Amino acid sequence: MNIFSNHPAEVLILLFLIVTFLQSGIDKLFDWKGNLSFIKSHFKNSPLKNSVPLLLGIILIMEILASLLMIIGVYQLYTSELKEMAILGIIISALSLIFLLVGQRLAKDYAGAMTLAVYFIITIIGLILLTN
């Protein structure tokens, strides 16, 4: 069975999101200090300035968890056509994007917030495809 013949759009969206969130999570994990420094300066004038390490840790966990669930979801789609893990991974991806959007808006980074919309649209399309 070829996974792309039964669920091509779903798998491609999952792969896109896996690359996006796994790379972001790994980057945060291996360059915690650099990411923390950048995010602290980004949020220095926002209400989140004192919570940056905690919030960055939450985003890191969500990105890695979403990636792992979507990897399992791709495997399950291929082996048994089950979609639950992929759906859960996509939902966590969407929630992390909403959290990031709130942060960007509070930091008054409207251009950064706008770029998240593209990722969110792709995520919601993936969710719609997987739940139909």
Protein backbone atom coordinates (compact mmCIF):
# COMPACT_ATOMS: atom_id res chain seq x y z
CA MET A 1 0.00 0.00 0.00
CA ASN A 2 1.33 3.40 -1.00
CA ILE A 3 0.50 6.02 1.62
CA PHE A 4 0.41 8.74 -1.01
CA SER A 5 -2.30 6.99 -3.02
CA ASN A 6 -4.80 7.00 -0.13
CA HIS A 7 -3.95 10.18 1.79
CA PRO A 8 -1.63 12.35 -0.30
CA ALA A 9 -2.71 15.79 0.93
CA GLU A 10 -2.90 14.69 4.56
CA VAL A 11 0.56 13.12 4.50
CA LEU A 12 2.15 16.08 2.75
CA ILE A 13 0.63 18.51 5.25
CA LEU A 14 1.75 16.30 8.14
CA LEU A 15 5.29 16.13 6.72
CA PHE A 16 5.34 19.92 6.29
CA LEU A 17 4.25 20.44 9.89
CA ILE A 18 6.65 17.78 11.20
CA VAL A 19 9.58 19.54 9.53
CA THR A 20 8.38 22.93 10.77
CA PHE A 21 7.79 22.00 14.40
CA LEU A 22 10.52 19.38 14.83
CA GLN A 23 13.18 21.73 13.46
CA SER A 24 11.91 24.55 15.66
CA GLY A 25 11.83 22.33 18.74
CA ILE A 26 15.29 20.88 18.10
CA ASP A 27 16.66 24.39 17.56
CA LYS A 28 15.24 25.50 20.90
CA LEU A 29 16.60 22.38 22.59
CA PHE A 30 20.16 22.69 21.26
CA ASP A 31 20.38 26.49 21.36
CA TRP A 32 18.32 27.25 24.45
CA LYS A 33 20.49 30.23 25.47
CA GLY A 34 20.43 31.82 22.03
CA ASN A 35 16.68 31.38 21.67
CA LEU A 36 16.05 32.63 25.20
CA SER A 37 18.20 35.71 24.60
CA PHE A 38 16.41 36.50 21.34
CA ILE A 39 12.94 35.96 22.80
CA LYS A 40 13.74 38.01 25.92
CA SER A 41 14.78 40.97 23.78
CA HIS A 42 11.75 40.47 21.52
CA PHE A 43 9.38 40.60 24.51
CA LYS A 44 11.23 43.20 26.61
CA ASN A 45 8.35 45.70 26.34
CA SER A 46 5.47 43.24 26.60
CA PRO A 47 3.50 41.91 29.56
CA LEU A 48 5.21 38.53 28.98
CA LYS A 49 8.74 39.80 29.66
CA ASN A 50 9.03 38.10 33.08
CA SER A 51 7.63 34.76 31.89
CA VAL A 52 9.78 34.17 28.82
CA PRO A 53 11.74 31.09 30.05
CA LEU A 54 8.57 29.30 31.19
CA LEU A 55 6.64 30.17 28.04
CA LEU A 56 9.55 29.17 25.79
CA GLY A 57 9.70 25.82 27.62
CA ILE A 58 5.98 25.29 27.08
CA ILE A 59 6.30 26.05 23.36
CA LEU A 60 9.30 23.69 23.13
CA ILE A 61 7.33 20.84 24.73
CA MET A 62 4.32 21.49 22.50
CA GLU A 63 6.43 21.55 19.32
CA ILE A 64 8.24 18.30 20.14
CA LEU A 65 5.04 16.58 21.30
CA ALA A 66 3.13 17.69 18.20
CA SER A 67 5.96 16.46 15.96
CA LEU A 68 6.16 13.06 17.64
CA LEU A 69 2.39 12.59 17.46
CA MET A 70 2.35 13.55 13.78
CA ILE A 71 5.23 11.15 13.03
CA ILE A 72 3.26 8.38 14.73
CA GLY A 73 0.20 9.59 12.82
CA VAL A 74 1.93 9.25 9.45
CA TYR A 75 3.03 5.74 10.41
CA GLN A 76 -0.49 4.82 11.50
CA LEU A 77 -1.99 6.23 8.31
CA TYR A 78 0.40 4.02 6.37
CA THR A 79 -0.09 0.84 8.39
CA SER A 80 -3.71 0.94 9.53
CA GLU A 81 -5.27 4.16 8.22
CA LEU A 82 -5.87 5.32 11.79
CA LYS A 83 -5.96 9.10 12.10
CA GLU A 84 -6.28 9.84 15.82
CA MET A 85 -2.59 10.49 16.57
CA ALA A 86 -2.19 12.67 13.48
CA ILE A 87 -5.27 14.66 14.48
CA LEU A 88 -3.98 15.12 18.02
CA GLY A 89 -0.60 16.26 16.69
CA ILE A 90 -2.26 18.76 14.36
CA ILE A 91 -4.44 20.10 17.18
CA ILE A 92 -1.36 20.64 19.37
CA SER A 93 0.33 22.34 16.40
CA ALA A 94 -2.64 24.68 16.00
CA LEU A 95 -2.66 25.49 19.72
CA SER A 96 1.06 26.26 19.69
CA LEU A 97 0.52 28.57 16.71
CA ILE A 98 -2.24 30.36 18.61
CA PHE A 99 0.09 30.74 21.62
CA LEU A 100 2.79 32.13 19.33
CA LEU A 101 0.25 34.49 17.75
CA VAL A 102 -0.74 35.85 21.17
CA GLY A 103 2.92 36.44 21.96
CA GLN A 104 3.59 38.19 18.67
CA ARG A 105 0.56 40.43 19.11
CA LEU A 106 1.54 41.32 22.70
CA ALA A 107 5.06 42.12 21.48
CA LYS A 108 3.45 44.32 18.81
CA ASP A 109 5.21 42.30 16.10
CA TYR A 110 2.33 42.46 13.66
CA ALA A 111 4.40 41.29 10.68
CA GLY A 112 5.54 38.24 12.65
CA ALA A 113 1.97 37.57 13.71
CA MET A 114 0.85 37.79 10.10
CA THR A 115 3.34 35.15 8.95
CA LEU A 116 1.89 32.70 11.48
CA ALA A 117 -1.42 32.87 9.60
CA VAL A 118 0.08 30.89 6.70
CA TYR A 119 1.12 28.06 9.02
CA PHE A 120 -2.25 28.17 10.76
CA ILE A 121 -4.18 27.92 7.48
CA ILE A 122 -2.13 24.89 6.43
CA THR A 123 -2.70 23.33 9.86
CA ILE A 124 -6.46 23.86 9.70
CA ILE A 125 -6.62 22.42 6.17
CA GLY A 126 -4.79 19.35 7.49
CA LEU A 127 -7.25 19.07 10.37
CA ILE A 128 -10.23 19.35 8.02
CA LEU A 129 -8.82 16.67 5.69
CA LEU A 130 -8.07 14.30 8.56
CA THR A 131 -11.45 14.68 10.20
CA ASN A 132 -13.52 14.17 7.04
